[in-house]
Protein backbone atom coordinates (compact mmCIF):
# COMPACT_ATOMS: atom_id res chain seq x y z
CA MET A 1 -16.32 -12.94 4.00
CA ARG A 2 -13.60 -11.52 1.77
CA LEU A 3 -13.31 -11.62 -2.02
CA THR A 4 -10.02 -10.55 -3.61
CA VAL A 5 -9.74 -10.19 -7.39
CA THR A 6 -6.28 -10.00 -8.95
CA ALA A 7 -4.85 -9.58 -12.44
CA ASP A 8 -2.68 -12.24 -13.99
CA SER A 9 0.31 -10.13 -12.86
CA GLY A 10 -0.78 -10.49 -9.23
CA LYS A 11 -1.90 -6.85 -8.91
CA VAL A 12 -4.99 -6.57 -6.69
CA LEU A 13 -7.84 -5.17 -8.77
CA GLN A 14 -10.71 -5.28 -6.25
CA THR A 15 -11.23 -6.24 -2.63
CA TYR A 16 -14.66 -6.85 -1.15
CA GLU A 17 -15.21 -7.44 2.57
CA GLY A 18 -18.37 -8.10 4.48
CA ALA A 19 -20.56 -10.50 6.39
CA PHE A 20 -23.73 -12.39 5.58
CA ASP A 21 -26.26 -14.48 7.51
CA PRO A 22 -28.28 -16.64 5.11
CA LYS A 23 -30.87 -17.49 7.78
CA THR A 24 -31.90 -13.85 8.26
CA ARG A 25 -30.94 -12.73 4.72
CA THR A 26 -28.96 -9.92 6.32
CA GLY A 27 -25.45 -8.77 5.51
CA TYR A 28 -23.19 -6.18 3.97
CA VAL A 29 -20.25 -5.91 1.60
CA ARG A 30 -17.89 -2.98 1.03
CA ASN A 31 -15.61 -2.37 -1.94
CA PRO A 32 -13.20 0.58 -1.51
CA GLN A 33 -12.64 2.64 -4.69
CA ASP A 34 -10.52 5.77 -5.08
CA ASP A 35 -13.58 8.07 -5.05
CA SER A 36 -15.96 6.16 -2.74
CA VAL A 37 -16.59 2.92 -0.90
CA MET A 38 -19.27 0.97 -2.78
CA THR A 39 -21.52 -0.49 -0.12
CA GLU A 40 -24.29 -3.05 -0.39
CA LEU A 41 -26.59 -3.68 2.55
CA LEU A 42 -29.08 -6.54 2.77
CA ILE A 43 -31.60 -6.34 5.62
CA ASP A 44 -34.15 -9.15 5.92
CA GLY A 45 -33.92 -9.59 2.15
CA THR A 46 -34.23 -5.89 1.25
CA ARG A 47 -31.26 -4.65 -0.81
CA TYR A 48 -29.70 -1.18 -0.59
CA VAL A 49 -26.67 -0.06 -2.62
CA GLY A 50 -24.82 3.21 -2.13
CA GLY A 51 -21.49 4.92 -1.73
CA GLU A 52 -19.67 6.04 1.38
CA PRO A 53 -16.75 8.51 1.55
CA PRO A 54 -13.41 7.19 0.26
CA LEU A 55 -10.86 5.86 2.73
CA GLN A 56 -8.13 8.14 1.32
CA PRO A 57 -8.17 11.71 -0.02
CA LEU A 58 -9.61 11.99 -3.53
CA PRO A 59 -6.98 11.75 -6.30
CA PRO A 60 -6.39 15.04 -8.18
CA ASP A 61 -8.12 13.72 -11.32
CA LYS A 62 -11.39 13.04 -9.47
CA GLY A 63 -14.21 15.46 -8.86
CA PRO A 64 -16.25 15.73 -5.69
CA GLY A 65 -17.69 12.26 -6.29
CA GLU A 66 -21.19 11.18 -5.53
CA THR A 67 -23.64 11.99 -2.78
CA TYR A 68 -22.18 9.91 0.02
CA GLY A 69 -24.58 8.03 2.27
CA ARG A 70 -27.44 7.92 -0.25
CA TYR A 71 -28.66 4.40 -0.98
CA GLY A 72 -30.85 3.02 -3.73
CA GLN A 73 -33.43 0.50 -2.50
CA TYR A 74 -33.98 -2.35 -4.95
CA PRO A 75 -37.51 -3.71 -5.44
CA GLY A 76 -38.25 -7.25 -4.31
CA LYS A 77 -36.59 -9.59 -1.82
CA TYR A 78 -33.18 -11.24 -2.10
CA ASP A 79 -31.59 -14.26 -0.45
CA ARG A 80 -27.94 -13.29 -0.98
CA LEU A 81 -25.68 -10.33 -1.62
CA MET A 82 -25.50 -9.07 -5.21
CA LEU A 83 -21.71 -9.42 -5.32
CA ILE A 84 -21.75 -13.14 -4.87
CA SER A 85 -25.05 -13.87 -6.59
CA GLU A 86 -23.77 -12.46 -9.90
CA GLY A 87 -20.09 -13.43 -9.68
CA ALA A 88 -18.76 -16.20 -11.93
CA GLY A 89 -22.16 -17.00 -13.38
CA GLY A 90 -23.75 -17.55 -9.99
CA VAL A 91 -21.31 -20.27 -8.93
CA VAL A 92 -19.65 -18.00 -6.35
CA GLY A 93 -23.08 -17.05 -5.02
CA ALA A 94 -23.72 -20.68 -4.21
CA ALA A 95 -20.76 -20.71 -1.80
CA SER A 96 -22.57 -20.96 1.51
CA PRO A 97 -22.05 -22.96 4.71
CA ASP A 98 -23.65 -25.95 2.98
CA PRO A 99 -21.38 -27.14 0.14
CA ALA A 100 -24.35 -28.88 -1.54
CA ALA A 101 -25.53 -25.56 -3.03
CA LEU A 102 -22.10 -24.93 -4.56
CA PHE A 103 -21.94 -28.41 -6.07
CA LYS A 104 -25.46 -27.97 -7.46
CA ALA A 105 -24.33 -24.72 -9.17
CA LEU A 106 -21.18 -26.42 -10.50
CA LYS A 107 -23.31 -29.26 -11.88
CA ALA A 108 -25.63 -26.73 -13.53
CA ALA A 109 -22.53 -25.14 -15.15
CA ASP A 110 -21.57 -28.62 -16.45
CA ALA A 111 -18.33 -28.44 -14.46
CA THR A 112 -15.78 -31.19 -14.15
CA VAL A 113 -15.37 -31.76 -10.39
CA THR A 114 -12.54 -33.82 -8.88
CA GLU A 115 -11.97 -34.52 -5.19
CA GLN A 116 -8.32 -34.17 -4.14
CA PRO A 117 -6.46 -36.34 -1.57
CA ASP A 118 -6.47 -33.45 0.93
CA GLY A 119 -10.29 -33.23 0.78
CA SER A 120 -10.38 -30.12 -1.39
CA VAL A 121 -12.24 -30.16 -4.69
CA LYS A 122 -10.96 -28.97 -8.07
CA TYR A 123 -13.48 -27.74 -10.63
CA ALA A 124 -13.49 -26.40 -14.18
CA TYR A 125 -16.15 -25.34 -16.65
CA SER A 126 -16.40 -23.43 -19.92
CA THR A 127 -18.99 -21.03 -21.26
CA LYS A 128 -19.54 -20.00 -24.88
CA PHE A 129 -20.94 -16.61 -25.91
CA PRO A 130 -21.92 -15.30 -29.37
CA ASP A 131 -18.59 -13.40 -29.61
CA GLY A 132 -16.29 -15.49 -27.44
CA SER A 133 -15.85 -17.90 -24.59
CA SER A 134 -14.57 -18.22 -21.05
CA THR A 135 -13.09 -20.91 -18.85
CA THR A 136 -13.33 -20.89 -15.06
CA SER A 137 -11.34 -23.24 -12.86
CA GLY A 138 -10.38 -23.37 -9.22
CA VAL A 139 -10.30 -25.17 -5.91
CA VAL A 140 -12.82 -25.36 -3.05
CA SER A 141 -11.35 -26.03 0.40
CA PHE A 142 -13.26 -26.83 3.58
CA ASP A 143 -12.86 -26.08 7.28
CA ALA A 144 -12.73 -28.74 10.02
CA ASP A 145 -16.56 -28.78 10.18
CA GLY A 146 -16.93 -29.46 6.44
CA ARG A 147 -18.06 -25.92 5.58
CA ILE A 148 -16.56 -23.99 2.69
CA ALA A 149 -13.43 -22.08 3.77
CA THR A 150 -12.13 -20.81 0.42
CA VAL A 151 -13.07 -20.86 -3.23
CA THR A 152 -10.31 -19.92 -5.67
CA MET A 153 -11.07 -19.10 -9.29
CA THR A 154 -9.08 -18.46 -12.43
CA PHE A 155 -11.21 -16.85 -15.13
CA THR A 156 -9.83 -16.79 -18.69
CA TRP A 157 -11.80 -15.22 -21.51
CA GLU A 158 -11.56 -14.33 -25.18
CA SER A 159 -13.83 -12.14 -27.27
CA THR A 160 -14.12 -10.87 -30.83
CA ALA A 161 -16.93 -8.42 -29.96
CA LYS A 162 -14.79 -5.42 -31.02
CA GLY A 163 -13.77 -6.98 -34.33
CA ARG A 164 -10.44 -8.22 -32.99
CA LEU A 165 -9.38 -10.97 -30.62
CA ASP A 166 -9.20 -9.72 -27.01
CA THR A 167 -8.16 -12.03 -24.18
CA GLY A 168 -7.70 -11.78 -20.45
CA THR A 169 -7.21 -13.68 -17.24
CA SER A 170 -8.15 -12.77 -13.70
CA HIS A 171 -8.03 -14.61 -10.42
CA ALA A 172 -10.28 -14.44 -7.37
CA THR A 173 -10.24 -15.89 -3.88
CA LEU A 174 -13.41 -15.99 -1.78
CA GLU A 175 -12.73 -16.59 1.93
CA LEU A 176 -15.60 -17.56 4.24
CA SER A 177 -15.19 -17.68 8.02
CA ASP A 178 -16.83 -16.88 11.36
CA TYR A 179 -19.84 -19.09 10.64
CA GLY A 180 -22.70 -18.70 13.10
CA LEU A 181 -21.94 -15.13 14.20
CA THR A 182 -24.86 -12.72 14.34
CA VAL A 183 -24.83 -10.13 11.54
CA THR A 184 -26.52 -6.82 12.32
CA VAL A 185 -26.98 -4.14 9.66
CA LYS A 186 -28.56 -0.72 10.25
CA ARG A 187 -30.96 0.60 7.58
CA PRO A 188 -29.55 3.70 5.86
CA THR A 189 -31.33 6.99 6.55
CA ASP A 190 -31.05 8.49 3.03
CA VAL A 191 -32.89 6.02 0.78
CA VAL A 192 -34.25 6.52 -2.74
CA PRO A 193 -35.87 3.95 -5.07
CA HIS A 194 -33.32 2.20 -7.30
CA ARG A 195 -33.85 2.91 -10.99
């Protein structure tokens, strides 16, 4: 699994890579930053989030960073990674091998869904907030076995929360592949309760 988030200019803002097995509720996702690699681990439904050392030397404007290798353990059990369960109002989190879950989430978002001649599906939905609104649109494509291969999203928002009109647009592409492979994740050794 790979999620790439870009600005309207095309500049890559974030890249998340990982793997997830929904049957065992086990997986991981890593997001390299300049001062650490944010890492989420999910082991039989138990969630751990921590930071690993950065891939490159620290920039001169950064301090020593965090305690690398320490993970917060979240209470409760989870059936998906936090990254995709919270992204785009939960719609991205519904992207699993079975497209029915994604279409259920799109229906819950009151999305307009249109099948394309090539078998892909276009979608769009809007959300209103007390101080603004957002529009999300994109395309879902499928592999030869009918499983989700990619979900693209364009997210446009506007807000008056700061007393002025702010707007923005970002784009994301979620790529799913290697269905059926076993995902093994080792429990971290330095674990503290998440606060």
